[in-house]
Amino acid sequence: MKKQSEKPDYLLEREFGAPERIICGVDEVGRGPLAGPVIAAAVVLNPANIPCHLNDSKKLSAKKREELNDIILATAQFGFGEATLEEIDALNILHASMLAMQRAVTNLPCKVDHILVDGNRLPNFEAPATAVIKGDQKSLSIAAASIIAKIKRDFLMKKLAKIHPEYGWDRNAGYGTREHMEALNLVGPSRFHRKSFAPIRDLMTQQNDITD
């Protein structure tokens, strides 16, 4: 059994038939934030050209993530999927995350034989799939997906931060940090906040009570 301190490898991909079969890794970023969409990525690594130092994106420095992001995009096949704010509020965050992952696989430039998904739940894919708990620490394909999904979402939140600099999204990516919460209490939610999330819902209820 793989120790948690070990880095991901290509054993799961080989177990499901790589390199003869096309195995894809899928991960999503953005379930926890109070603002912004969920972004998922699907990655099919080139078995003959796997980038070195791939790891769970959370265990990498920002500089290393950016370096690996460029290498992954240059050497692998990939697809991105997004679930919008409206979908998050309408479906709930779990189902919106599943939708984003489905879209990421659909947007791959190739058909896959098997899908490895980070976590303990599976979206409805056309291809067979396996849920892998802590998959970004076990599978190189999932680790690669975690990296490019995070880079893409962080870039998007930095763009949104230019519209609403008061929340510090370029630094907190929409998570409920002290800075973000203080700004919310001071100026209230923006149109990019998730209205179904308790802190935002409670603030909006308070605002409505004041105006009634």
C-alpha atoms as a PDB file:
ATOM      1  CA  MET A   1       0.000   0.000   0.000  1.00  0.00           C
ATOM      2  CA  LYS A   2       1.350   3.404  -1.020  1.00  0.00           C
ATOM      3  CA  LYS A   3       2.515   5.561   1.866  1.00  0.00           C
ATOM      4  CA  GLN A   4       1.069   9.067   1.939  1.00  0.00           C
ATOM      5  CA  SER A   5       4.552  10.590   1.799  1.00  0.00           C
ATOM      6  CA  GLU A   6       5.337   8.899  -1.506  1.00  0.00           C
ATOM      7  CA  LYS A   7       4.870  10.702  -4.802  1.00  0.00           C
ATOM      8  CA  PRO A   8       2.394   9.601  -7.483  1.00  0.00           C
ATOM      9  CA  ASP A   9       3.471   7.089 -10.102  1.00  0.00           C
ATOM     10  CA  TYR A  10       2.198   5.459 -13.310  1.00  0.00           C
ATOM     11  CA  LEU A  11       1.249   2.103 -11.773  1.00  0.00           C
ATOM     12  CA  LEU A  12      -2.526   2.662 -11.805  1.00  0.00           C
ATOM     13  CA  GLU A  13      -2.404   3.676 -15.457  1.00  0.00           C
ATOM     14  CA  ARG A  14      -0.473   0.510 -16.290  1.00  0.00           C
ATOM     15  CA  GLU A  15      -2.906  -1.551 -14.227  1.00  0.00           C
ATOM     16  CA  PHE A  16      -5.699  -0.374 -16.513  1.00  0.00           C
ATOM     17  CA  GLY A  17      -3.749  -1.075 -19.694  1.00  0.00           C
ATOM     18  CA  ALA A  18      -1.453   1.855 -20.432  1.00  0.00           C
ATOM     19  CA  PRO A  19       0.353   2.442 -22.688  1.00  0.00           C
ATOM     20  CA  GLU A  20      -1.602   0.190 -25.059  1.00  0.00           C
ATOM     21  CA  ARG A  21      -4.903   1.623 -23.778  1.00  0.00           C
ATOM     22  CA  ILE A  22      -5.577   5.352 -23.355  1.00  0.00           C
ATOM     23  CA  ILE A  23      -5.917   6.191 -19.662  1.00  0.00           C
ATOM     24  CA  CYS A  24      -6.993   9.612 -18.522  1.00  0.00           C
ATOM     25  CA  GLY A  25      -6.698  11.317 -15.125  1.00  0.00           C
ATOM     26  CA  VAL A  26      -9.341  13.774 -13.932  1.00  0.00           C
ATOM     27  CA  ASP A  27      -9.389  16.259 -11.068  1.00  0.00           C
ATOM     28  CA  GLU A  28     -11.312  19.388 -10.185  1.00  0.00           C
ATOM     29  CA  VAL A  29     -10.454  22.585  -8.331  1.00  0.00           C
ATOM     30  CA  GLY A  30     -12.757  24.980  -6.560  1.00  0.00           C
ATOM     31  CA  ARG A  31     -15.293  23.090  -4.469  1.00  0.00           C
ATOM     32  CA  GLY A  32     -14.553  25.077  -1.318  1.00  0.00           C
ATOM     33  CA  PRO A  33     -14.333  28.736  -2.414  1.00  0.00           C
ATOM     34  CA  LEU A  34     -17.150  31.216  -1.832  1.00  0.00           C
ATOM     35  CA  ALA A  35     -16.751  32.730  -5.291  1.00  0.00           C
ATOM     36  CA  GLY A  36     -15.983  31.721  -8.851  1.00  0.00           C
ATOM     37  CA  PRO A  37     -16.674  28.577 -10.897  1.00  0.00           C
ATOM     38  CA  VAL A  38     -15.463  25.013 -10.499  1.00  0.00           C
ATOM     39  CA  ILE A  39     -12.774  24.033 -12.999  1.00  0.00           C
ATOM     40  CA  ALA A  40     -11.931  20.432 -13.905  1.00  0.00           C
ATOM     41  CA  ALA A  41      -9.164  19.040 -16.078  1.00  0.00           C
ATOM     42  CA  ALA A  42      -8.664  15.721 -17.837  1.00  0.00           C
ATOM     43  CA  VAL A  43      -5.156  14.661 -18.848  1.00  0.00           C
ATOM     44  CA  VAL A  44      -3.795  11.834 -20.988  1.00  0.00           C
ATOM     45  CA  LEU A  45      -0.047  11.716 -20.433  1.00  0.00           C
ATOM     46  CA  ASN A  46       2.336  10.625 -23.163  1.00  0.00           C
ATOM     47  CA  PRO A  47       3.873   7.454 -21.624  1.00  0.00           C
ATOM     48  CA  ALA A  48       7.108   8.142 -23.509  1.00  0.00           C
ATOM     49  CA  ASN A  49       7.347  11.740 -22.267  1.00  0.00           C
ATOM     50  CA  ILE A  50       5.963  12.045 -18.731  1.00  0.00           C
ATOM     51  CA  PRO A  51       7.066  15.304 -17.054  1.00  0.00           C
ATOM     52  CA  CYS A  52       9.363  14.938 -14.063  1.00  0.00           C
ATOM     53  CA  HIS A  53       8.347  16.065 -10.559  1.00  0.00           C
ATOM     54  CA  LEU A  54       4.582  15.722 -11.049  1.00  0.00           C
ATOM     55  CA  ASN A  55       2.778  15.773  -7.726  1.00  0.00           C
ATOM     56  CA  ASP A  56      -0.460  16.814  -6.058  1.00  0.00           C
ATOM     57  CA  SER A  57      -0.783  20.517  -6.935  1.00  0.00           C
ATOM     58  CA  LYS A  58      -1.219  21.413  -3.244  1.00  0.00           C
ATOM     59  CA  LYS A  59       2.264  20.028  -2.515  1.00  0.00           C
ATOM     60  CA  LEU A  60       3.990  22.176  -5.136  1.00  0.00           C
ATOM     61  CA  SER A  61       5.167  25.772  -4.969  1.00  0.00           C
ATOM     62  CA  ALA A  62       3.386  28.287  -7.200  1.00  0.00           C
ATOM     63  CA  LYS A  63       6.504  28.570  -9.377  1.00  0.00           C
ATOM     64  CA  LYS A  64       6.779  24.790  -9.790  1.00  0.00           C
ATOM     65  CA  ARG A  65       3.079  24.485 -10.641  1.00  0.00           C
ATOM     66  CA  GLU A  66       3.467  27.078 -13.377  1.00  0.00           C
ATOM     67  CA  GLU A  67       6.539  25.338 -14.796  1.00  0.00           C
ATOM     68  CA  LEU A  68       4.802  21.957 -14.812  1.00  0.00           C
ATOM     69  CA  ASN A  69       1.618  23.449 -16.246  1.00  0.00           C
ATOM     70  CA  ASP A  70       3.522  24.620 -19.323  1.00  0.00           C
ATOM     71  CA  ILE A  71       5.211  21.233 -19.732  1.00  0.00           C
ATOM     72  CA  ILE A  72       1.934  19.295 -19.351  1.00  0.00           C
ATOM     73  CA  LEU A  73       0.165  21.474 -21.916  1.00  0.00           C
ATOM     74  CA  ALA A  74       3.076  20.942 -24.334  1.00  0.00           C
ATOM     75  CA  THR A  75       3.434  17.178 -23.929  1.00  0.00           C
ATOM     76  CA  ALA A  76       0.023  15.732 -22.979  1.00  0.00           C
ATOM     77  CA  GLN A  77      -3.512  15.655 -24.327  1.00  0.00           C
ATOM     78  CA  PHE A  78      -5.904  17.591 -22.119  1.00  0.00           C
ATOM     79  CA  GLY A  79      -9.399  18.993 -21.777  1.00  0.00           C
ATOM     80  CA  PHE A  80     -10.969  21.506 -19.407  1.00  0.00           C
ATOM     81  CA  GLY A  81     -14.490  21.666 -18.039  1.00  0.00           C
ATOM     82  CA  GLU A  82     -16.261  24.373 -16.068  1.00  0.00           C
ATOM     83  CA  ALA A  83     -19.379  24.541 -13.925  1.00  0.00           C
ATOM     84  CA  THR A  84     -20.697  28.086 -13.674  1.00  0.00           C
ATOM     85  CA  LEU A  85     -21.889  29.979 -10.623  1.00  0.00           C
ATOM     86  CA  GLU A  86     -25.461  29.499 -11.793  1.00  0.00           C
ATOM     87  CA  GLU A  87     -24.954  25.729 -12.088  1.00  0.00           C
ATOM     88  CA  ILE A  88     -23.318  25.548  -8.656  1.00  0.00           C
ATOM     89  CA  ASP A  89     -26.262  27.362  -7.071  1.00  0.00           C
ATOM     90  CA  ALA A  90     -28.858  25.350  -8.998  1.00  0.00           C
ATOM     91  CA  LEU A  91     -27.334  21.864  -8.722  1.00  0.00           C
ATOM     92  CA  ASN A  92     -25.229  22.097  -5.511  1.00  0.00           C
ATOM     93  CA  ILE A  93     -21.443  22.007  -5.476  1.00  0.00           C
ATOM     94  CA  LEU A  94     -21.094  18.210  -5.657  1.00  0.00           C
ATOM     95  CA  HIS A  95     -23.230  17.816  -8.776  1.00  0.00           C
ATOM     96  CA  ALA A  96     -21.654  20.891 -10.363  1.00  0.00           C
ATOM     97  CA  SER A  97     -18.205  19.355  -9.798  1.00  0.00           C
ATOM     98  CA  MET A  98     -19.354  16.127 -11.460  1.00  0.00           C
ATOM     99  CA  LEU A  99     -20.618  18.157 -14.414  1.00  0.00           C
ATOM    100  CA  ALA A 100     -17.305  20.006 -14.757  1.00  0.00           C
ATOM    101  CA  MET A 101     -15.426  16.681 -14.818  1.00  0.00           C
ATOM    102  CA  GLN A 102     -17.766  15.260 -17.467  1.00  0.00           C
ATOM    103  CA  ARG A 103     -17.121  18.325 -19.616  1.00  0.00           C
ATOM    104  CA  ALA A 104     -13.357  18.035 -19.170  1.00  0.00           C
ATOM    105  CA  VAL A 105     -13.378  14.474 -20.520  1.00  0.00           C
ATOM    106  CA  THR A 106     -15.720  15.461 -23.361  1.00  0.00           C
ATOM    107  CA  ASN A 107     -13.288  18.225 -24.312  1.00  0.00           C
ATOM    108  CA  LEU A 108     -10.325  15.869 -24.652  1.00  0.00           C
ATOM    109  CA  PRO A 109      -9.039  15.631 -28.233  1.00  0.00           C
ATOM    110  CA  CYS A 110      -9.040  11.825 -28.013  1.00  0.00           C
ATOM    111  CA  LYS A 111     -11.295   8.991 -26.900  1.00  0.00           C
ATOM    112  CA  VAL A 112     -10.211   7.269 -23.713  1.00  0.00           C
ATOM    113  CA  ASP A 113     -10.423   3.647 -22.623  1.00  0.00           C
ATOM    114  CA  HIS A 114     -10.469   4.250 -18.877  1.00  0.00           C
ATOM    115  CA  ILE A 115     -10.790   7.273 -16.569  1.00  0.00           C
ATOM    116  CA  LEU A 116      -9.128   7.700 -13.174  1.00  0.00           C
ATOM    117  CA  VAL A 117     -10.959  10.254 -11.019  1.00  0.00           C
ATOM    118  CA  ASP A 118      -9.689  11.879  -7.857  1.00  0.00           C
ATOM    119  CA  GLY A 119     -12.076  11.253  -4.943  1.00  0.00           C
ATOM    120  CA  ASN A 120     -14.690   8.709  -3.952  1.00  0.00           C
ATOM    121  CA  ARG A 121     -17.481   9.549  -6.420  1.00  0.00           C
ATOM    122  CA  LEU A 122     -17.793   9.142 -10.168  1.00  0.00           C
ATOM    123  CA  PRO A 123     -19.600  11.288 -12.718  1.00  0.00           C
ATOM    124  CA  ASN A 124     -21.518   9.533 -15.487  1.00  0.00           C
ATOM    125  CA  PHE A 125     -18.882   9.007 -18.165  1.00  0.00           C
ATOM    126  CA  GLU A 126     -19.233   7.163 -21.452  1.00  0.00           C
ATOM    127  CA  ALA A 127     -16.007   5.254 -20.737  1.00  0.00           C
ATOM    128  CA  PRO A 128     -15.323   2.988 -17.730  1.00  0.00           C
ATOM    129  CA  ALA A 129     -13.988   4.900 -14.725  1.00  0.00           C
ATOM    130  CA  THR A 130     -12.449   4.317 -11.308  1.00  0.00           C
ATOM    131  CA  ALA A 131     -12.619   6.620  -8.293  1.00  0.00           C
ATOM    132  CA  VAL A 132      -9.244   6.936  -6.552  1.00  0.00           C
ATOM    133  CA  ILE A 133      -9.208   8.411  -3.054  1.00  0.00           C
ATOM    134  CA  LYS A 134      -6.290  10.855  -2.798  1.00  0.00           C
ATOM    135  CA  GLY A 135      -5.712  10.117  -6.451  1.00  0.00           C
ATOM    136  CA  ASP A 136      -3.599  13.233  -6.954  1.00  0.00           C
ATOM    137  CA  GLN A 137      -1.088  11.634  -4.582  1.00  0.00           C
ATOM    138  CA  LYS A 138      -1.174   8.239  -6.331  1.00  0.00           C
ATOM    139  CA  SER A 139      -1.653   8.719 -10.083  1.00  0.00           C
ATOM    140  CA  LEU A 140       0.597  10.839 -12.289  1.00  0.00           C
ATOM    141  CA  SER A 141      -2.302  11.495 -14.669  1.00  0.00           C
ATOM    142  CA  ILE A 142      -4.536  12.777 -11.875  1.00  0.00           C
ATOM    143  CA  ALA A 143      -1.671  14.828 -10.425  1.00  0.00           C
ATOM    144  CA  ALA A 144      -1.162  16.440 -13.835  1.00  0.00           C
ATOM    145  CA  ALA A 145      -4.885  17.221 -14.031  1.00  0.00           C
ATOM    146  CA  SER A 146      -4.793  18.780 -10.562  1.00  0.00           C
ATOM    147  CA  ILE A 147      -1.958  21.089 -11.636  1.00  0.00           C
ATOM    148  CA  ILE A 148      -3.452  22.440 -14.842  1.00  0.00           C
ATOM    149  CA  ALA A 149      -6.924  22.788 -13.289  1.00  0.00           C
ATOM    150  CA  LYS A 150      -5.516  24.867 -10.420  1.00  0.00           C
ATOM    151  CA  ILE A 151      -3.443  27.079 -12.708  1.00  0.00           C
ATOM    152  CA  LYS A 152      -6.458  27.732 -14.937  1.00  0.00           C
ATOM    153  CA  ARG A 153      -8.769  28.543 -12.030  1.00  0.00           C
ATOM    154  CA  ASP A 154      -6.199  30.736 -10.259  1.00  0.00           C
ATOM    155  CA  PHE A 155      -5.720  32.694 -13.497  1.00  0.00           C
ATOM    156  CA  LEU A 156      -9.477  33.166 -13.809  1.00  0.00           C
ATOM    157  CA  MET A 157      -9.781  34.380 -10.207  1.00  0.00           C
ATOM    158  CA  LYS A 158      -6.967  36.882 -10.811  1.00  0.00           C
ATOM    159  CA  LYS A 159      -8.968  38.244 -13.748  1.00  0.00           C
ATOM    160  CA  LEU A 160     -12.067  38.538 -11.555  1.00  0.00           C
ATOM    161  CA  ALA A 161      -9.933  40.260  -8.901  1.00  0.00           C
ATOM    162  CA  LYS A 162      -9.366  43.111 -11.338  1.00  0.00           C
ATOM    163  CA  ILE A 163     -13.131  43.675 -11.365  1.00  0.00           C
ATOM    164  CA  HIS A 164     -13.473  43.295  -7.580  1.00  0.00           C
ATOM    165  CA  PRO A 165     -10.062  43.937  -5.968  1.00  0.00           C
ATOM    166  CA  GLU A 166     -11.611  44.389  -2.512  1.00  0.00           C
ATOM    167  CA  TYR A 167     -11.960  40.630  -1.898  1.00  0.00           C
ATOM    168  CA  GLY A 168      -8.319  39.706  -2.560  1.00  0.00           C
ATOM    169  CA  TRP A 169      -9.164  36.929  -5.018  1.00  0.00           C
ATOM    170  CA  ASP A 170      -5.731  37.218  -6.626  1.00  0.00           C
ATOM    171  CA  ARG A 171      -4.361  36.012  -3.285  1.00  0.00           C
ATOM    172  CA  ASN A 172      -7.100  33.740  -1.882  1.00  0.00           C
ATOM    173  CA  ALA A 173      -8.680  32.360  -5.118  1.00  0.00           C
ATOM    174  CA  GLY A 174     -12.137  32.951  -3.621  1.00  0.00           C
ATOM    175  CA  TYR A 175     -11.632  30.918  -0.445  1.00  0.00           C
ATOM    176  CA  GLY A 176     -13.068  32.275   2.793  1.00  0.00           C
ATOM    177  CA  THR A 177      -9.898  33.786   4.207  1.00  0.00           C
ATOM    178  CA  ARG A 178      -9.992  36.485   6.866  1.00  0.00           C
ATOM    179  CA  GLU A 179      -9.328  39.134   4.223  1.00  0.00           C
ATOM    180  CA  HIS A 180     -12.170  37.847   2.047  1.00  0.00           C
ATOM    181  CA  MET A 181     -14.636  37.601   4.947  1.00  0.00           C
ATOM    182  CA  GLU A 182     -13.823  41.103   6.206  1.00  0.00           C
ATOM    183  CA  ALA A 183     -14.483  42.500   2.728  1.00  0.00           C
ATOM    184  CA  LEU A 184     -17.747  40.562   2.501  1.00  0.00           C
ATOM    185  CA  ASN A 185     -18.919  41.980   5.811  1.00  0.00           C
ATOM    186  CA  LEU A 186     -17.919  45.474   4.727  1.00  0.00           C
ATOM    187  CA  VAL A 187     -19.240  45.659   1.151  1.00  0.00           C
ATOM    188  CA  GLY A 188     -21.401  42.546   0.809  1.00  0.00           C
ATOM    189  CA  PRO A 189     -21.345  39.847  -1.888  1.00  0.00           C
ATOM    190  CA  SER A 190     -20.644  40.413  -5.585  1.00  0.00           C
ATOM    191  CA  ARG A 191     -22.315  38.820  -8.586  1.00  0.00           C
ATOM    192  CA  PHE A 192     -19.439  36.311  -8.664  1.00  0.00           C
ATOM    193  CA  HIS A 193     -20.205  34.892  -5.212  1.00  0.00           C
ATOM    194  CA  ARG A 194     -21.997  31.571  -4.714  1.00  0.00           C
ATOM    195  CA  LYS A 195     -25.405  32.501  -3.372  1.00  0.00           C
ATOM    196  CA  SER A 196     -26.133  28.949  -2.179  1.00  0.00           C
ATOM    197  CA  PHE A 197     -23.097  28.856   0.136  1.00  0.00           C
ATOM    198  CA  ALA A 198     -24.009  29.532   3.766  1.00  0.00           C
ATOM    199  CA  PRO A 199     -21.811  32.620   4.428  1.00  0.00           C
ATOM    200  CA  ILE A 200     -23.100  34.351   1.284  1.00  0.00           C
ATOM    201  CA  ARG A 201     -26.691  33.233   1.803  1.00  0.00           C
ATOM    202  CA  ASP A 202     -26.628  34.514   5.391  1.00  0.00           C
ATOM    203  CA  LEU A 203     -25.205  37.888   4.336  1.00  0.00           C
ATOM    204  CA  MET A 204     -27.848  38.273   1.641  1.00  0.00           C
ATOM    205  CA  THR A 205     -30.575  37.399   4.161  1.00  0.00           C
ATOM    206  CA  GLN A 206     -29.234  40.053   6.544  1.00  0.00           C
ATOM    207  CA  GLN A 207     -29.193  42.619   3.743  1.00  0.00           C
ATOM    208  CA  ASN A 208     -32.771  41.789   2.809  1.00  0.00           C
ATOM    209  CA  ASP A 209     -33.869  42.091   6.451  1.00  0.00           C
ATOM    210  CA  ILE A 210     -32.293  45.564   6.638  1.00  0.00           C
ATOM    211  CA  THR A 211     -33.998  46.778   3.442  1.00  0.00           C
ATOM    212  CA  ASP A 212     -37.436  45.305   4.287  1.00  0.00           C
END
